[in-house]
Amino acid sequence: MRISEILKSKWFLVLSSTYIIIFLLFVVWMIFFDTNSYFIHKELNDEIKALEETKEFYKEEIDKDKAFIVKMKDSNEVEKYAREKYYLKKANEDIYIIEHEDSVKLKKKHE
């Protein structure tokens, strides 16, 4: 095909229309160059999704903490927690810490 034939072809005439050219430039501008481009929207949507997941995680943690606070309102639970977590004891008793073999091996590996 010659260039003159291409210039006279139906497709070239349609694509070279001023409205089509302006529309294509507009689409390219909106997708790639605009401050509200597709890529920026995609990035912002991904960030929103990550923040919503973080929000759900913290809501679950708050619910766990609220349940723990309610549980700790009982003095027997507070005593049990203090004995297990901090090895607290009463004045007239002894505490024996029993470690299993597998936990002793793990401590030696980490040291």
PDB file of N, CA and C in Angstrom:
ATOM      1  N   MET A   1       0.830  -1.194   0.000  1.00  0.00           N
ATOM      2  CA  MET A   1       0.000   0.000   0.000  1.00  0.00           C
ATOM      3  C   MET A   1       0.869   1.249   0.000  1.00  0.00           C
ATOM      4  N   ARG A   2       0.406   2.193  -0.697  1.00  0.00           N
ATOM      5  CA  ARG A   2       1.086   3.476  -0.734  1.00  0.00           C
ATOM      6  C   ARG A   2       0.542   4.372   0.363  1.00  0.00           C
ATOM      7  N   ILE A   3       1.286   5.390   0.638  1.00  0.00           N
ATOM      8  CA  ILE A   3       0.865   6.341   1.676  1.00  0.00           C
ATOM      9  C   ILE A   3      -0.410   7.057   1.243  1.00  0.00           C
ATOM     10  N   SER A   4      -0.527   7.359  -0.009  1.00  0.00           N
ATOM     11  CA  SER A   4      -1.731   8.052  -0.488  1.00  0.00           C
ATOM     12  C   SER A   4      -2.963   7.178  -0.311  1.00  0.00           C
ATOM     13  N   GLU A   5      -2.797   5.871  -0.496  1.00  0.00           N
ATOM     14  CA  GLU A   5      -3.933   4.960  -0.283  1.00  0.00           C
ATOM     15  C   GLU A   5      -4.296   4.865   1.190  1.00  0.00           C
ATOM     16  N   ILE A   6      -3.303   4.868   2.036  1.00  0.00           N
ATOM     17  CA  ILE A   6      -3.552   4.822   3.483  1.00  0.00           C
ATOM     18  C   ILE A   6      -4.275   6.082   3.930  1.00  0.00           C
ATOM     19  N   LEU A   7      -3.848   7.206   3.413  1.00  0.00           N
ATOM     20  CA  LEU A   7      -4.476   8.475   3.802  1.00  0.00           C
ATOM     21  C   LEU A   7      -5.924   8.563   3.338  1.00  0.00           C
ATOM     22  N   LYS A   8      -6.273   7.865   2.288  1.00  0.00           N
ATOM     23  CA  LYS A   8      -7.641   7.889   1.787  1.00  0.00           C
ATOM     24  C   LYS A   8      -8.503   6.758   2.350  1.00  0.00           C
ATOM     25  N   SER A   9      -7.911   5.849   3.083  1.00  0.00           N
ATOM     26  CA  SER A   9      -8.678   4.712   3.592  1.00  0.00           C
ATOM     27  C   SER A   9      -9.698   5.167   4.641  1.00  0.00           C
ATOM     28  N   LYS A  10     -10.728   4.362   4.786  1.00  0.00           N
ATOM     29  CA  LYS A  10     -11.837   4.688   5.685  1.00  0.00           C
ATOM     30  C   LYS A  10     -11.362   4.750   7.141  1.00  0.00           C
ATOM     31  N   TRP A  11     -10.540   3.793   7.557  1.00  0.00           N
ATOM     32  CA  TRP A  11     -10.075   3.746   8.946  1.00  0.00           C
ATOM     33  C   TRP A  11      -9.212   4.939   9.292  1.00  0.00           C
ATOM     34  N   PHE A  12      -8.364   5.324   8.387  1.00  0.00           N
ATOM     35  CA  PHE A  12      -7.522   6.483   8.640  1.00  0.00           C
ATOM     36  C   PHE A  12      -8.363   7.743   8.781  1.00  0.00           C
ATOM     37  N   LEU A  13      -9.369   7.882   7.940  1.00  0.00           N
ATOM     38  CA  LEU A  13     -10.235   9.060   8.015  1.00  0.00           C
ATOM     39  C   LEU A  13     -10.990   9.101   9.343  1.00  0.00           C
ATOM     40  N   VAL A  14     -11.444   7.939   9.800  1.00  0.00           N
ATOM     41  CA  VAL A  14     -12.165   7.892  11.089  1.00  0.00           C
ATOM     42  C   VAL A  14     -11.216   8.206  12.233  1.00  0.00           C
ATOM     43  N   LEU A  15     -10.042   7.580  12.218  1.00  0.00           N
ATOM     44  CA  LEU A  15      -9.096   7.783  13.313  1.00  0.00           C
ATOM     45  C   LEU A  15      -8.453   9.163  13.291  1.00  0.00           C
ATOM     46  N   SER A  16      -8.422   9.792  12.163  1.00  0.00           N
ATOM     47  CA  SER A  16      -7.824  11.120  12.093  1.00  0.00           C
ATOM     48  C   SER A  16      -8.843  12.223  12.355  1.00  0.00           C
ATOM     49  N   SER A  17     -10.045  11.850  12.667  1.00  0.00           N
ATOM     50  CA  SER A  17     -11.068  12.834  13.005  1.00  0.00           C
ATOM     51  C   SER A  17     -10.628  13.597  14.258  1.00  0.00           C
ATOM     52  N   THR A  18     -10.909  14.870  14.284  1.00  0.00           N
ATOM     53  CA  THR A  18     -10.517  15.724  15.398  1.00  0.00           C
ATOM     54  C   THR A  18     -11.104  15.224  16.713  1.00  0.00           C
ATOM     55  N   TYR A  19     -12.349  14.810  16.700  1.00  0.00           N
ATOM     56  CA  TYR A  19     -13.002  14.328  17.921  1.00  0.00           C
ATOM     57  C   TYR A  19     -12.347  13.050  18.445  1.00  0.00           C
ATOM     58  N   ILE A  20     -12.012  12.157  17.542  1.00  0.00           N
ATOM     59  CA  ILE A  20     -11.362  10.907  17.943  1.00  0.00           C
ATOM     60  C   ILE A  20      -9.978  11.188  18.515  1.00  0.00           C
ATOM     61  N   ILE A  21      -9.239  12.046  17.880  1.00  0.00           N
ATOM     62  CA  ILE A  21      -7.898  12.380  18.370  1.00  0.00           C
ATOM     63  C   ILE A  21      -7.980  13.018  19.747  1.00  0.00           C
ATOM     64  N   ILE A  22      -8.885  13.951  19.928  1.00  0.00           N
ATOM     65  CA  ILE A  22      -9.056  14.602  21.228  1.00  0.00           C
ATOM     66  C   ILE A  22      -9.491  13.585  22.276  1.00  0.00           C
ATOM     67  N   PHE A  23     -10.415  12.705  21.910  1.00  0.00           N
ATOM     68  CA  PHE A  23     -10.865  11.680  22.849  1.00  0.00           C
ATOM     69  C   PHE A  23      -9.712  10.762  23.251  1.00  0.00           C
ATOM     70  N   LEU A  24      -8.909  10.320  22.307  1.00  0.00           N
ATOM     71  CA  LEU A  24      -7.775   9.441  22.617  1.00  0.00           C
ATOM     72  C   LEU A  24      -6.744  10.148  23.494  1.00  0.00           C
ATOM     73  N   LEU A  25      -6.478  11.402  23.199  1.00  0.00           N
ATOM     74  CA  LEU A  25      -5.559  12.165  24.052  1.00  0.00           C
ATOM     75  C   LEU A  25      -6.111  12.304  25.466  1.00  0.00           C
ATOM     76  N   PHE A  26      -7.407  12.546  25.569  1.00  0.00           N
ATOM     77  CA  PHE A  26      -8.048  12.650  26.879  1.00  0.00           C
ATOM     78  C   PHE A  26      -7.924  11.345  27.666  1.00  0.00           C
ATOM     79  N   VAL A  27      -8.190  10.228  27.007  1.00  0.00           N
ATOM     80  CA  VAL A  27      -8.107   8.923  27.676  1.00  0.00           C
ATOM     81  C   VAL A  27      -6.678   8.643  28.134  1.00  0.00           C
ATOM     82  N   VAL A  28      -5.719   8.893  27.273  1.00  0.00           N
ATOM     83  CA  VAL A  28      -4.313   8.673  27.650  1.00  0.00           C
ATOM     84  C   VAL A  28      -3.934   9.587  28.812  1.00  0.00           C
ATOM     85  N   TRP A  29      -4.354  10.838  28.751  1.00  0.00           N
ATOM     86  CA  TRP A  29      -4.051  11.766  29.843  1.00  0.00           C
ATOM     87  C   TRP A  29      -4.660  11.282  31.163  1.00  0.00           C
ATOM     88  N   MET A  30      -5.912  10.867  31.125  1.00  0.00           N
ATOM     89  CA  MET A  30      -6.588  10.438  32.357  1.00  0.00           C
ATOM     90  C   MET A  30      -5.994   9.152  32.923  1.00  0.00           C
ATOM     91  N   ILE A  31      -5.538   8.265  32.074  1.00  0.00           N
ATOM     92  CA  ILE A  31      -4.992   6.993  32.562  1.00  0.00           C
ATOM     93  C   ILE A  31      -3.582   7.165  33.114  1.00  0.00           C
ATOM     94  N   PHE A  32      -2.762   7.964  32.475  1.00  0.00           N
ATOM     95  CA  PHE A  32      -1.346   7.996  32.841  1.00  0.00           C
ATOM     96  C   PHE A  32      -0.876   9.271  33.541  1.00  0.00           C
ATOM     97  N   PHE A  33      -1.361  10.441  33.143  1.00  0.00           N
ATOM     98  CA  PHE A  33      -0.727  11.679  33.573  1.00  0.00           C
ATOM     99  C   PHE A  33      -1.492  12.493  34.597  1.00  0.00           C
ATOM    100  N   ASP A  34      -2.763  12.357  34.700  1.00  0.00           N
ATOM    101  CA  ASP A  34      -3.578  13.179  35.582  1.00  0.00           C
ATOM    102  C   ASP A  34      -3.284  12.849  37.043  1.00  0.00           C
ATOM    103  N   THR A  35      -3.550  13.809  37.925  1.00  0.00           N
ATOM    104  CA  THR A  35      -3.336  13.554  39.357  1.00  0.00           C
ATOM    105  C   THR A  35      -4.336  12.539  39.896  1.00  0.00           C
ATOM    106  N   ASN A  36      -5.418  12.327  39.197  1.00  0.00           N
ATOM    107  CA  ASN A  36      -6.402  11.313  39.580  1.00  0.00           C
ATOM    108  C   ASN A  36      -6.368  10.139  38.610  1.00  0.00           C
ATOM    109  N   SER A  37      -5.195   9.764  38.184  1.00  0.00           N
ATOM    110  CA  SER A  37      -5.053   8.712  37.175  1.00  0.00           C
ATOM    111  C   SER A  37      -5.455   7.349  37.729  1.00  0.00           C
ATOM    112  N   TYR A  38      -5.603   6.423  36.831  1.00  0.00           N
ATOM    113  CA  TYR A  38      -5.980   5.056  37.201  1.00  0.00           C
ATOM    114  C   TYR A  38      -4.968   4.450  38.161  1.00  0.00           C
ATOM    115  N   PHE A  39      -3.696   4.663  37.914  1.00  0.00           N
ATOM    116  CA  PHE A  39      -2.661   4.050  38.742  1.00  0.00           C
ATOM    117  C   PHE A  39      -2.659   4.625  40.159  1.00  0.00           C
ATOM    118  N   ILE A  40      -2.913   5.907  40.271  1.00  0.00           N
ATOM    119  CA  ILE A  40      -2.991   6.510  41.603  1.00  0.00           C
ATOM    120  C   ILE A  40      -4.223   5.986  42.336  1.00  0.00           C
ATOM    121  N   HIS A  41      -5.338   5.858  41.639  1.00  0.00           N
ATOM    122  CA  HIS A  41      -6.543   5.290  42.267  1.00  0.00           C
ATOM    123  C   HIS A  41      -6.306   3.869  42.727  1.00  0.00           C
ATOM    124  N   LYS A  42      -5.619   3.085  41.918  1.00  0.00           N
ATOM    125  CA  LYS A  42      -5.324   1.700  42.288  1.00  0.00           C
ATOM    126  C   LYS A  42      -4.439   1.656  43.530  1.00  0.00           C
ATOM    127  N   GLU A  43      -3.428   2.506  43.564  1.00  0.00           N
ATOM    128  CA  GLU A  43      -2.535   2.568  44.718  1.00  0.00           C
ATOM    129  C   GLU A  43      -3.298   2.982  45.978  1.00  0.00           C
ATOM    130  N   LEU A  44      -4.161   3.969  45.846  1.00  0.00           N
ATOM    131  CA  LEU A  44      -4.945   4.430  46.994  1.00  0.00           C
ATOM    132  C   LEU A  44      -5.927   3.358  47.462  1.00  0.00           C
ATOM    133  N   ASN A  45      -6.546   2.637  46.526  1.00  0.00           N
ATOM    134  CA  ASN A  45      -7.456   1.555  46.904  1.00  0.00           C
ATOM    135  C   ASN A  45      -6.721   0.441  47.634  1.00  0.00           C
ATOM    136  N   ASP A  46      -5.507   0.122  47.193  1.00  0.00           N
ATOM    137  CA  ASP A  46      -4.704  -0.890  47.893  1.00  0.00           C
ATOM    138  C   ASP A  46      -4.354  -0.429  49.302  1.00  0.00           C
ATOM    139  N   GLU A  47      -4.043   0.847  49.433  1.00  0.00           N
ATOM    140  CA  GLU A  47      -3.719   1.398  50.756  1.00  0.00           C
ATOM    141  C   GLU A  47      -4.945   1.371  51.665  1.00  0.00           C
ATOM    142  N   ILE A  48      -6.108   1.698  51.114  1.00  0.00           N
ATOM    143  CA  ILE A  48      -7.346   1.649  51.905  1.00  0.00           C
ATOM    144  C   ILE A  48      -7.616   0.223  52.377  1.00  0.00           C
ATOM    145  N   LYS A  49      -7.425  -0.741  51.486  1.00  0.00           N
ATOM    146  CA  LYS A  49      -7.641  -2.141  51.854  1.00  0.00           C
ATOM    147  C   LYS A  49      -6.699  -2.566  52.981  1.00  0.00           C
ATOM    148  N   ALA A  50      -5.433  -2.170  52.897  1.00  0.00           N
ATOM    149  CA  ALA A  50      -4.471  -2.509  53.947  1.00  0.00           C
ATOM    150  C   ALA A  50      -4.858  -1.858  55.270  1.00  0.00           C
ATOM    151  N   LEU A  51      -5.315  -0.620  55.221  1.00  0.00           N
ATOM    152  CA  LEU A  51      -5.726   0.067  56.441  1.00  0.00           C
ATOM    153  C   LEU A  51      -6.970  -0.565  57.053  1.00  0.00           C
ATOM    154  N   GLU A  52      -7.888  -1.019  56.226  1.00  0.00           N
ATOM    155  CA  GLU A  52      -9.081  -1.691  56.746  1.00  0.00           C
ATOM    156  C   GLU A  52      -8.717  -3.016  57.407  1.00  0.00           C
ATOM    157  N   GLU A  53      -7.751  -3.734  56.832  1.00  0.00           N
ATOM    158  CA  GLU A  53      -7.296  -4.976  57.460  1.00  0.00           C
ATOM    159  C   GLU A  53      -6.637  -4.691  58.806  1.00  0.00           C
ATOM    160  N   THR A  54      -5.848  -3.623  58.864  1.00  0.00           N
ATOM    161  CA  THR A  54      -5.213  -3.224  60.117  1.00  0.00           C
ATOM    162  C   THR A  54      -6.272  -2.830  61.145  1.00  0.00           C
ATOM    163  N   LYS A  55      -7.293  -2.154  60.680  1.00  0.00           N
ATOM    164  CA  LYS A  55      -8.389  -1.737  61.564  1.00  0.00           C
ATOM    165  C   LYS A  55      -9.076  -2.958  62.162  1.00  0.00           C
ATOM    166  N   GLU A  56      -9.340  -3.969  61.332  1.00  0.00           N
ATOM    167  CA  GLU A  56      -9.968  -5.199  61.830  1.00  0.00           C
ATOM    168  C   GLU A  56      -9.080  -5.898  62.846  1.00  0.00           C
ATOM    169  N   PHE A  57      -7.768  -5.928  62.590  1.00  0.00           N
ATOM    170  CA  PHE A  57      -6.830  -6.553  63.525  1.00  0.00           C
ATOM    171  C   PHE A  57      -6.899  -5.858  64.880  1.00  0.00           C
ATOM    172  N   TYR A  58      -6.867  -4.522  64.866  1.00  0.00           N
ATOM    173  CA  TYR A  58      -6.902  -3.791  66.132  1.00  0.00           C
ATOM    174  C   TYR A  58      -8.246  -3.912  66.832  1.00  0.00           C
ATOM    175  N   LYS A  59      -9.324  -4.020  66.080  1.00  0.00           N
ATOM    176  CA  LYS A  59     -10.628  -4.253  66.714  1.00  0.00           C
ATOM    177  C   LYS A  59     -10.639  -5.588  67.443  1.00  0.00           C
ATOM    178  N   GLU A  60     -10.070  -6.613  66.813  1.00  0.00           N
ATOM    179  CA  GLU A  60      -9.993  -7.923  67.459  1.00  0.00           C
ATOM    180  C   GLU A  60      -9.134  -7.857  68.716  1.00  0.00           C
ATOM    181  N   GLU A  61      -8.023  -7.136  68.642  1.00  0.00           N
ATOM    182  CA  GLU A  61      -7.152  -6.995  69.814  1.00  0.00           C
ATOM    183  C   GLU A  61      -7.866  -6.242  70.938  1.00  0.00           C
ATOM    184  N   ILE A  62      -8.627  -5.227  70.587  1.00  0.00           N
ATOM    185  CA  ILE A  62      -9.382  -4.479  71.603  1.00  0.00           C
ATOM    186  C   ILE A  62     -10.412  -5.393  72.256  1.00  0.00           C
ATOM    187  N   ASP A  63     -11.095  -6.210  71.472  1.00  0.00           N
ATOM    188  CA  ASP A  63     -12.070  -7.140  72.035  1.00  0.00           C
ATOM    189  C   ASP A  63     -11.397  -8.133  72.981  1.00  0.00           C
ATOM    190  N   LYS A  64     -10.219  -8.623  72.600  1.00  0.00           N
ATOM    191  CA  LYS A  64      -9.476  -9.545  73.487  1.00  0.00           C
ATOM    192  C   LYS A  64      -9.097  -8.843  74.787  1.00  0.00           C
ATOM    193  N   ASP A  65      -8.626  -7.596  74.680  1.00  0.00           N
ATOM    194  CA  ASP A  65      -8.232  -6.852  75.874  1.00  0.00           C
ATOM    195  C   ASP A  65      -9.427  -6.551  76.777  1.00  0.00           C
ATOM    196  N   LYS A  66     -10.575  -6.236  76.155  1.00  0.00           N
ATOM    197  CA  LYS A  66     -11.779  -5.997  76.962  1.00  0.00           C
ATOM    198  C   LYS A  66     -12.194  -7.257  77.704  1.00  0.00           C
ATOM    199  N   ALA A  67     -12.114  -8.398  77.031  1.00  0.00           N
ATOM    200  CA  ALA A  67     -12.449  -9.662  77.689  1.00  0.00           C
ATOM    201  C   ALA A  67     -11.471  -9.945  78.818  1.00  0.00           C
ATOM    202  N   PHE A  68     -10.201  -9.635  78.606  1.00  0.00           N
ATOM    203  CA  PHE A  68      -9.192  -9.844  79.644  1.00  0.00           C
ATOM    204  C   PHE A  68      -9.465  -8.943  80.843  1.00  0.00           C
ATOM    205  N   ILE A  69      -9.841  -7.688  80.585  1.00  0.00           N
ATOM    206  CA  ILE A  69     -10.136  -6.758  81.680  1.00  0.00           C
ATOM    207  C   ILE A  69     -11.335  -7.239  82.485  1.00  0.00           C
ATOM    208  N   VAL A  70     -12.356  -7.718  81.793  1.00  0.00           N
ATOM    209  CA  VAL A  70     -13.536  -8.236  82.496  1.00  0.00           C
ATOM    210  C   VAL A  70     -13.139  -9.453  83.336  1.00  0.00           C
ATOM    211  N   LYS A  71     -12.296 -10.295  82.778  1.00  0.00           N
ATOM    212  CA  LYS A  71     -11.836 -11.498  83.486  1.00  0.00           C
ATOM    213  C   LYS A  71     -11.015 -11.117  84.717  1.00  0.00           C
ATOM    214  N   MET A  72     -10.232 -10.049  84.636  1.00  0.00           N
ATOM    215  CA  MET A  72      -9.361  -9.645  85.736  1.00  0.00           C
ATOM    216  C   MET A  72     -10.101  -8.914  86.856  1.00  0.00           C
ATOM    217  N   LYS A  73     -11.372  -8.659  86.682  1.00  0.00           N
ATOM    218  CA  LYS A  73     -12.133  -8.022  87.755  1.00  0.00           C
ATOM    219  C   LYS A  73     -12.363  -8.990  88.917  1.00  0.00           C
ATOM    220  N   ASP A  74     -12.230 -10.278  88.651  1.00  0.00           N
ATOM    221  CA  ASP A  74     -12.349 -11.297  89.698  1.00  0.00           C
ATOM    222  C   ASP A  74     -10.991 -11.422  90.390  1.00  0.00           C
ATOM    223  N   SER A  75     -10.969 -11.311  91.728  1.00  0.00           N
ATOM    224  CA  SER A  75      -9.693 -11.333  92.462  1.00  0.00           C
ATOM    225  C   SER A  75      -8.984 -12.682  92.330  1.00  0.00           C
ATOM    226  N   ASN A  76      -9.743 -13.762  92.195  1.00  0.00           N
ATOM    227  CA  ASN A  76      -9.101 -15.070  92.022  1.00  0.00           C
ATOM    228  C   ASN A  76      -8.369 -15.147  90.678  1.00  0.00           C
ATOM    229  N   GLU A  77      -8.943 -14.553  89.675  1.00  0.00           N
ATOM    230  CA  GLU A  77      -8.290 -14.542  88.356  1.00  0.00           C
ATOM    231  C   GLU A  77      -7.027 -13.690  88.381  1.00  0.00           C
ATOM    232  N   VAL A  78      -7.070 -12.569  89.099  1.00  0.00           N
ATOM    233  CA  VAL A  78      -5.886 -11.714  89.208  1.00  0.00           C
ATOM    234  C   VAL A  78      -4.769 -12.478  89.901  1.00  0.00           C
ATOM    235  N   GLU A  79      -5.097 -13.176  90.959  1.00  0.00           N
ATOM    236  CA  GLU A  79      -4.091 -13.960  91.677  1.00  0.00           C
ATOM    237  C   GLU A  79      -3.527 -15.062  90.779  1.00  0.00           C
ATOM    238  N   LYS A  80      -4.382 -15.761  90.073  1.00  0.00           N
ATOM    239  CA  LYS A  80      -3.938 -16.822  89.173  1.00  0.00           C
ATOM    240  C   LYS A  80      -3.017 -16.263  88.091  1.00  0.00           C
ATOM    241  N   TYR A  81      -3.396 -15.127  87.516  1.00  0.00           N
ATOM    242  CA  TYR A  81      -2.588 -14.516  86.464  1.00  0.00           C
ATOM    243  C   TYR A  81      -1.220 -14.081  87.004  1.00  0.00           C
ATOM    244  N   ALA A  82      -1.214 -13.481  88.199  1.00  0.00           N
ATOM    245  CA  ALA A  82       0.048 -13.028  88.802  1.00  0.00           C
ATOM    246  C   ALA A  82       0.955 -14.210  89.112  1.00  0.00           C
ATOM    247  N   ARG A  83       0.387 -15.306  89.571  1.00  0.00           N
ATOM    248  CA  ARG A  83       1.194 -16.495  89.870  1.00  0.00           C
ATOM    249  C   ARG A  83       1.777 -17.102  88.593  1.00  0.00           C
ATOM    250  N   GLU A  84       0.981 -17.187  87.537  1.00  0.00           N
ATOM    251  CA  GLU A  84       1.445 -17.828  86.304  1.00  0.00           C
ATOM    252  C   GLU A  84       2.404 -16.927  85.518  1.00  0.00           C
ATOM    253  N   LYS A  85       2.100 -15.663  85.431  1.00  0.00           N
ATOM    254  CA  LYS A  85       2.876 -14.769  84.583  1.00  0.00           C
ATOM    255  C   LYS A  85       4.125 -14.242  85.284  1.00  0.00           C
ATOM    256  N   TYR A  86       3.983 -13.834  86.532  1.00  0.00           N
ATOM    257  CA  TYR A  86       5.074 -13.159  87.234  1.00  0.00           C
ATOM    258  C   TYR A  86       5.660 -13.989  88.380  1.00  0.00           C
ATOM    259  N   TYR A  87       5.210 -15.220  88.537  1.00  0.00           N
ATOM    260  CA  TYR A  87       5.709 -16.150  89.572  1.00  0.00           C
ATOM    261  C   TYR A  87       5.626 -15.545  90.973  1.00  0.00           C
ATOM    262  N   LEU A  88       4.555 -14.826  91.245  1.00  0.00           N
ATOM    263  CA  LEU A  88       4.356 -14.267  92.579  1.00  0.00           C
ATOM    264  C   LEU A  88       3.871 -15.372  93.510  1.00  0.00           C
ATOM    265  N   LYS A  89       4.173 -15.193  94.783  1.00  0.00           N
ATOM    266  CA  LYS A  89       3.785 -16.216  95.764  1.00  0.00           C
ATOM    267  C   LYS A  89       3.392 -15.555  97.072  1.00  0.00           C
ATOM    268  N   LYS A  90       2.756 -16.360  97.879  1.00  0.00           N
ATOM    269  CA  LYS A  90       2.414 -15.900  99.220  1.00  0.00           C
ATOM    270  C   LYS A  90       3.640 -16.090 100.108  1.00  0.00           C
ATOM    271  N   ALA A  91       3.610 -15.486 101.284  1.00  0.00           N
ATOM    272  CA  ALA A  91       4.792 -15.467 102.163  1.00  0.00           C
ATOM    273  C   ALA A  91       5.187 -16.868 102.646  1.00  0.00           C
ATOM    274  N   ASN A  92       4.241 -17.743 102.852  1.00  0.00           N
ATOM    275  CA  ASN A  92       4.566 -19.026 103.465  1.00  0.00           C
ATOM    276  C   ASN A  92       4.567 -20.195 102.471  1.00  0.00           C
ATOM    277  N   GLU A  93       4.778 -19.950 101.200  1.00  0.00           N
ATOM    278  CA  GLU A  93       4.769 -21.055 100.239  1.00  0.00           C
ATOM    279  C   GLU A  93       5.979 -21.002  99.320  1.00  0.00           C
ATOM    280  N   ASP A  94       6.310 -22.149  98.758  1.00  0.00           N
ATOM    281  CA  ASP A  94       7.421 -22.263  97.820  1.00  0.00           C
ATOM    282  C   ASP A  94       6.873 -22.520  96.421  1.00  0.00           C
ATOM    283  N   ILE A  95       7.620 -22.056  95.425  1.00  0.00           N
ATOM    284  CA  ILE A  95       7.215 -22.269  94.034  1.00  0.00           C
ATOM    285  C   ILE A  95       8.269 -23.131  93.366  1.00  0.00           C
ATOM    286  N   TYR A  96       7.794 -24.140  92.660  1.00  0.00           N
ATOM    287  CA  TYR A  96       8.686 -24.999  91.885  1.00  0.00           C
ATOM    288  C   TYR A  96       8.310 -24.850  90.413  1.00  0.00           C
ATOM    289  N   ILE A  97       9.306 -24.507  89.595  1.00  0.00           N
ATOM    290  CA  ILE A  97       9.075 -24.346  88.169  1.00  0.00           C
ATOM    291  C   ILE A  97       9.536 -25.617  87.481  1.00  0.00           C
ATOM    292  N   ILE A  98       8.616 -26.272  86.830  1.00  0.00           N
ATOM    293  CA  ILE A  98       8.912 -27.524  86.141  1.00  0.00           C
ATOM    294  C   ILE A  98       9.028 -27.223  84.654  1.00  0.00           C
ATOM    295  N   GLU A  99      10.210 -27.515  84.103  1.00  0.00           N
ATOM    296  CA  GLU A  99      10.416 -27.302  82.680  1.00  0.00           C
ATOM    297  C   GLU A  99      10.506 -28.653  81.991  1.00  0.00           C
ATOM    298  N   HIS A 100       9.875 -28.759  80.871  1.00  0.00           N
ATOM    299  CA  HIS A 100       9.925 -29.992  80.097  1.00  0.00           C
ATOM    300  C   HIS A 100      11.206 -30.021  79.278  1.00  0.00           C
ATOM    301  N   GLU A 101      11.615 -31.214  78.872  1.00  0.00           N
ATOM    302  CA  GLU A 101      12.878 -31.366  78.151  1.00  0.00           C
ATOM    303  C   GLU A 101      12.907 -30.561  76.859  1.00  0.00           C
ATOM    304  N   ASP A 102      11.828 -30.558  76.141  1.00  0.00           N
ATOM    305  CA  ASP A 102      11.830 -29.851  74.861  1.00  0.00           C
ATOM    306  C   ASP A 102      11.970 -28.337  75.039  1.00  0.00           C
ATOM    307  N   SER A 103      11.436 -27.759  76.121  1.00  0.00           N
ATOM    308  CA  SER A 103      11.580 -26.327  76.339  1.00  0.00           C
ATOM    309  C   SER A 103      12.999 -25.976  76.780  1.00  0.00           C
ATOM    310  N   VAL A 104      13.669 -26.881  77.505  1.00  0.00           N
ATOM    311  CA  VAL A 104      15.051 -26.645  77.915  1.00  0.00           C
ATOM    312  C   VAL A 104      15.960 -26.648  76.692  1.00  0.00           C
ATOM    313  N   LYS A 105      15.725 -27.558  75.754  1.00  0.00           N
ATOM    314  CA  LYS A 105      16.537 -27.616  74.535  1.00  0.00           C
ATOM    315  C   LYS A 105      16.368 -26.333  73.711  1.00  0.00           C
ATOM    316  N   LEU A 106      15.153 -25.801  73.658  1.00  0.00           N
ATOM    317  CA  LEU A 106      14.917 -24.584  72.899  1.00  0.00           C
ATOM    318  C   LEU A 106      15.670 -23.399  73.522  1.00  0.00           C
ATOM    319  N   LYS A 107      15.707 -23.337  74.855  1.00  0.00           N
ATOM    320  CA  LYS A 107      16.407 -22.246  75.513  1.00  0.00           C
ATOM    321  C   LYS A 107      17.902 -22.297  75.243  1.00  0.00           C
ATOM    322  N   LYS A 108      18.476 -23.509  75.226  1.00  0.00           N
ATOM    323  CA  LYS A 108      19.909 -23.648  74.978  1.00  0.00           C
ATOM    324  C   LYS A 108      20.260 -23.252  73.544  1.00  0.00           C
ATOM    325  N   LYS A 109      19.385 -23.541  72.598  1.00  0.00           N
ATOM    326  CA  LYS A 109      19.623 -23.198  71.197  1.00  0.00           C
ATOM    327  C   LYS A 109      19.607 -21.687  71.001  1.00  0.00           C
ATOM    328  N   HIS A 110      18.749 -20.992  71.727  1.00  0.00           N
ATOM    329  CA  HIS A 110      18.620 -19.541  71.565  1.00  0.00           C
ATOM    330  C   HIS A 110      19.721 -18.778  72.287  1.00  0.00           C
ATOM    331  N   GLU A 111      20.343 -19.371  73.246  1.00  0.00           N
ATOM    332  CA  GLU A 111      21.372 -18.661  74.022  1.00  0.00           C
ATOM    333  C   GLU A 111      22.693 -18.651  73.360  1.00  0.00           C
TER     334      GLU A 111
END
